[in-house]
Amino acid sequence: MCRQRYLKSLLSRMGKRRALSLMVTALVDKQASRRMAIEEVNRGGLEGLYRVLLEDSAHEIAAALRHVLGAVGGGGVRIERA
């Protein structure tokens, strides 16, 4: 997953004020903004992290699953594109 895509996905889940605060902090202090981002990820827990990863990488995950399915012969299962 591209770091910028992940950050964009994370920012879209945050409140506008918190996201703006993180972006402004990043201009001044990269480490502080990183801590803020990590706190936000931790706030969502494992479920929140999975949601960000799945929503952002859904097409790549689907493509990988199609390759796996093709490698095992399909087994009569059809995967539709979203």
N, C-alpha and C. Protein backbone atom coordinates (compact mmCIF):
# COMPACT_ATOMS: atom_id res chain seq x y z
N MET A 1 0.84 -1.17 0.00
CA MET A 1 0.00 0.00 0.00
C MET A 1 0.89 1.24 0.00
N CYS A 2 0.55 2.18 -0.82
CA CYS A 2 1.30 3.43 -0.91
C CYS A 2 1.06 4.26 0.35
N ARG A 3 2.11 4.82 0.85
CA ARG A 3 2.02 5.60 2.10
C ARG A 3 1.06 6.77 1.97
N GLN A 4 1.09 7.44 0.81
CA GLN A 4 0.21 8.59 0.61
C GLN A 4 -1.25 8.17 0.57
N ARG A 5 -1.54 7.03 -0.06
CA ARG A 5 -2.91 6.53 -0.10
C ARG A 5 -3.40 6.19 1.30
N TYR A 6 -2.52 5.59 2.09
CA TYR A 6 -2.88 5.23 3.45
C TYR A 6 -3.18 6.49 4.27
N LEU A 7 -2.32 7.49 4.15
CA LEU A 7 -2.51 8.74 4.90
C LEU A 7 -3.80 9.42 4.46
N LYS A 8 -4.08 9.44 3.16
CA LYS A 8 -5.31 10.06 2.66
C LYS A 8 -6.53 9.33 3.23
N SER A 9 -6.47 8.01 3.24
CA SER A 9 -7.57 7.23 3.79
C SER A 9 -7.75 7.50 5.28
N LEU A 10 -6.64 7.58 5.99
CA LEU A 10 -6.69 7.85 7.42
C LEU A 10 -7.27 9.24 7.69
N LEU A 11 -6.81 10.24 6.94
CA LEU A 11 -7.30 11.61 7.13
C LEU A 11 -8.78 11.72 6.83
N SER A 12 -9.26 10.95 5.85
CA SER A 12 -10.68 11.03 5.49
C SER A 12 -11.57 10.49 6.61
N ARG A 13 -11.03 9.68 7.49
CA ARG A 13 -11.79 9.11 8.60
C ARG A 13 -11.76 10.00 9.83
N MET A 14 -10.86 10.95 9.86
CA MET A 14 -10.72 11.82 11.02
C MET A 14 -11.69 12.99 10.90
N GLY A 15 -11.96 13.61 12.02
CA GLY A 15 -12.73 14.85 11.98
C GLY A 15 -11.92 15.91 11.26
N LYS A 16 -12.60 16.87 10.69
CA LYS A 16 -11.91 17.89 9.90
C LYS A 16 -10.90 18.68 10.72
N ARG A 17 -11.28 19.03 11.95
CA ARG A 17 -10.38 19.80 12.80
C ARG A 17 -9.13 19.00 13.15
N ARG A 18 -9.31 17.72 13.48
CA ARG A 18 -8.17 16.86 13.83
C ARG A 18 -7.26 16.63 12.62
N ALA A 19 -7.87 16.41 11.45
CA ALA A 19 -7.09 16.19 10.23
C ALA A 19 -6.29 17.45 9.87
N LEU A 20 -6.91 18.61 9.98
CA LEU A 20 -6.21 19.86 9.70
C LEU A 20 -5.07 20.07 10.69
N SER A 21 -5.32 19.75 11.95
CA SER A 21 -4.28 19.87 12.98
C SER A 21 -3.09 18.97 12.64
N LEU A 22 -3.38 17.76 12.21
CA LEU A 22 -2.30 16.83 11.86
C LEU A 22 -1.49 17.36 10.67
N MET A 23 -2.18 17.89 9.67
CA MET A 23 -1.48 18.39 8.48
C MET A 23 -0.62 19.62 8.80
N VAL A 24 -1.15 20.52 9.62
CA VAL A 24 -0.37 21.71 10.00
C VAL A 24 0.82 21.30 10.85
N THR A 25 0.61 20.38 11.76
CA THR A 25 1.70 19.90 12.61
C THR A 25 2.79 19.26 11.75
N ALA A 26 2.39 18.56 10.68
CA ALA A 26 3.37 17.91 9.80
C ALA A 26 4.31 18.93 9.15
N LEU A 27 3.81 20.14 8.91
CA LEU A 27 4.65 21.18 8.32
C LEU A 27 5.74 21.65 9.27
N VAL A 28 5.45 21.58 10.57
CA VAL A 28 6.35 22.09 11.59
C VAL A 28 7.19 21.00 12.24
N ASP A 29 6.54 19.88 12.55
CA ASP A 29 7.21 18.82 13.31
C ASP A 29 6.73 17.45 12.81
N LYS A 30 7.53 16.83 11.97
CA LYS A 30 7.15 15.54 11.36
C LYS A 30 6.92 14.46 12.41
N GLN A 31 7.77 14.41 13.42
CA GLN A 31 7.64 13.38 14.45
C GLN A 31 6.34 13.55 15.25
N ALA A 32 5.99 14.78 15.56
CA ALA A 32 4.76 15.02 16.31
C ALA A 32 3.54 14.63 15.47
N SER A 33 3.58 14.93 14.18
CA SER A 33 2.46 14.56 13.32
C SER A 33 2.37 13.04 13.18
N ARG A 34 3.51 12.39 13.15
CA ARG A 34 3.52 10.93 13.08
C ARG A 34 2.90 10.32 14.34
N ARG A 35 3.25 10.89 15.49
CA ARG A 35 2.65 10.42 16.75
C ARG A 35 1.14 10.61 16.74
N MET A 36 0.69 11.76 16.22
CA MET A 36 -0.74 12.02 16.14
C MET A 36 -1.43 10.99 15.24
N ALA A 37 -0.81 10.67 14.12
CA ALA A 37 -1.39 9.70 13.19
C ALA A 37 -1.45 8.32 13.84
N ILE A 38 -0.40 7.95 14.54
CA ILE A 38 -0.38 6.65 15.22
C ILE A 38 -1.45 6.60 16.30
N GLU A 39 -1.64 7.70 17.03
CA GLU A 39 -2.70 7.75 18.03
C GLU A 39 -4.07 7.54 17.38
N GLU A 40 -4.25 8.14 16.22
CA GLU A 40 -5.53 8.01 15.52
C GLU A 40 -5.76 6.56 15.07
N VAL A 41 -4.72 5.93 14.56
CA VAL A 41 -4.83 4.52 14.16
C VAL A 41 -5.14 3.67 15.38
N ASN A 42 -4.44 3.91 16.47
CA ASN A 42 -4.67 3.14 17.70
C ASN A 42 -6.09 3.35 18.23
N ARG A 43 -6.61 4.53 18.06
CA ARG A 43 -7.97 4.82 18.53
C ARG A 43 -8.98 3.93 17.81
N GLY A 44 -8.75 3.65 16.52
CA GLY A 44 -9.65 2.80 15.77
C GLY A 44 -9.46 1.32 16.06
N GLY A 45 -8.36 0.99 16.70
CA GLY A 45 -8.07 -0.40 17.02
C GLY A 45 -7.77 -1.21 15.77
N LEU A 46 -7.69 -2.49 15.94
CA LEU A 46 -7.38 -3.39 14.84
C LEU A 46 -8.46 -3.34 13.77
N GLU A 47 -9.71 -3.23 14.21
CA GLU A 47 -10.81 -3.15 13.24
C GLU A 47 -10.67 -1.91 12.36
N GLY A 48 -10.34 -0.79 12.95
CA GLY A 48 -10.15 0.44 12.19
C GLY A 48 -9.01 0.33 11.20
N LEU A 49 -7.92 -0.29 11.63
CA LEU A 49 -6.78 -0.48 10.74
C LEU A 49 -7.17 -1.36 9.57
N TYR A 50 -7.88 -2.45 9.84
CA TYR A 50 -8.33 -3.35 8.78
C TYR A 50 -9.26 -2.63 7.81
N ARG A 51 -10.14 -1.80 8.33
CA ARG A 51 -11.06 -1.07 7.45
C ARG A 51 -10.30 -0.15 6.50
N VAL A 52 -9.31 0.56 7.01
CA VAL A 52 -8.51 1.44 6.17
C VAL A 52 -7.79 0.62 5.10
N LEU A 53 -7.16 -0.47 5.51
CA LEU A 53 -6.42 -1.30 4.56
C LEU A 53 -7.34 -1.91 3.51
N LEU A 54 -8.48 -2.44 3.92
CA LEU A 54 -9.39 -3.08 2.98
C LEU A 54 -10.02 -2.08 2.02
N GLU A 55 -10.46 -0.95 2.53
CA GLU A 55 -11.08 0.04 1.66
C GLU A 55 -10.09 0.62 0.67
N ASP A 56 -8.86 0.81 1.12
CA ASP A 56 -7.86 1.41 0.24
C ASP A 56 -7.29 0.41 -0.76
N SER A 57 -7.21 -0.84 -0.39
CA SER A 57 -6.55 -1.84 -1.24
C SER A 57 -7.50 -2.88 -1.80
N ALA A 58 -8.78 -2.58 -1.83
CA ALA A 58 -9.77 -3.58 -2.25
C ALA A 58 -9.48 -4.13 -3.65
N HIS A 59 -9.11 -3.27 -4.58
CA HIS A 59 -8.87 -3.73 -5.96
C HIS A 59 -7.65 -4.65 -6.03
N GLU A 60 -6.60 -4.29 -5.29
CA GLU A 60 -5.40 -5.13 -5.29
C GLU A 60 -5.66 -6.48 -4.63
N ILE A 61 -6.44 -6.47 -3.55
CA ILE A 61 -6.76 -7.72 -2.86
C ILE A 61 -7.61 -8.61 -3.77
N ALA A 62 -8.60 -8.01 -4.44
CA ALA A 62 -9.45 -8.78 -5.36
C ALA A 62 -8.63 -9.38 -6.49
N ALA A 63 -7.69 -8.61 -7.04
CA ALA A 63 -6.84 -9.12 -8.13
C ALA A 63 -5.99 -10.29 -7.63
N ALA A 64 -5.45 -10.18 -6.43
CA ALA A 64 -4.64 -11.27 -5.88
C ALA A 64 -5.49 -12.51 -5.66
N LEU A 65 -6.71 -12.33 -5.17
CA LEU A 65 -7.60 -13.48 -4.96
C LEU A 65 -7.99 -14.14 -6.28
N ARG A 66 -8.18 -13.32 -7.34
CA ARG A 66 -8.47 -13.90 -8.65
C ARG A 66 -7.30 -14.74 -9.15
N HIS A 67 -6.08 -14.30 -8.91
CA HIS A 67 -4.90 -15.07 -9.31
C HIS A 67 -4.83 -16.38 -8.55
N VAL A 68 -5.10 -16.32 -7.26
CA VAL A 68 -5.09 -17.54 -6.45
C VAL A 68 -6.16 -18.50 -6.95
N LEU A 69 -7.34 -17.96 -7.21
CA LEU A 69 -8.44 -18.79 -7.70
C LEU A 69 -8.09 -19.44 -9.04
N GLY A 70 -7.46 -18.68 -9.91
CA GLY A 70 -7.03 -19.22 -11.19
C GLY A 70 -5.98 -20.31 -11.03
N ALA A 71 -5.11 -20.15 -10.06
CA ALA A 71 -4.04 -21.13 -9.84
C ALA A 71 -4.57 -22.45 -9.31
N VAL A 72 -5.69 -22.41 -8.60
CA VAL A 72 -6.25 -23.65 -8.06
C VAL A 72 -7.34 -24.21 -8.96
N GLY A 73 -7.51 -23.62 -10.12
CA GLY A 73 -8.45 -24.17 -11.09
C GLY A 73 -9.85 -23.63 -10.99
N GLY A 74 -10.09 -22.66 -10.18
CA GLY A 74 -11.41 -22.03 -10.12
C GLY A 74 -12.39 -22.71 -9.21
N GLY A 75 -12.44 -24.01 -9.24
CA GLY A 75 -13.34 -24.75 -8.36
C GLY A 75 -14.80 -24.40 -8.50
N GLY A 76 -15.21 -23.88 -9.66
CA GLY A 76 -16.61 -23.54 -9.87
C GLY A 76 -17.04 -22.26 -9.17
N VAL A 77 -16.11 -21.50 -8.64
CA VAL A 77 -16.44 -20.26 -7.93
C VAL A 77 -16.23 -19.09 -8.88
N ARG A 78 -17.18 -18.16 -8.87
CA ARG A 78 -17.07 -16.98 -9.74
C ARG A 78 -16.97 -15.74 -8.85
N ILE A 79 -15.97 -14.92 -9.11
CA ILE A 79 -15.79 -13.68 -8.38
C ILE A 79 -16.15 -12.54 -9.30
N GLU A 80 -17.13 -11.73 -8.92
CA GLU A 80 -17.56 -10.59 -9.71
C GLU A 80 -16.72 -9.38 -9.37
N ARG A 81 -16.48 -8.57 -10.36
CA ARG A 81 -15.78 -7.30 -10.12
C ARG A 81 -16.74 -6.31 -9.50
N ALA A 82 -16.21 -5.52 -8.60
CA ALA A 82 -17.06 -4.52 -7.92
C ALA A 82 -17.31 -3.33 -8.80
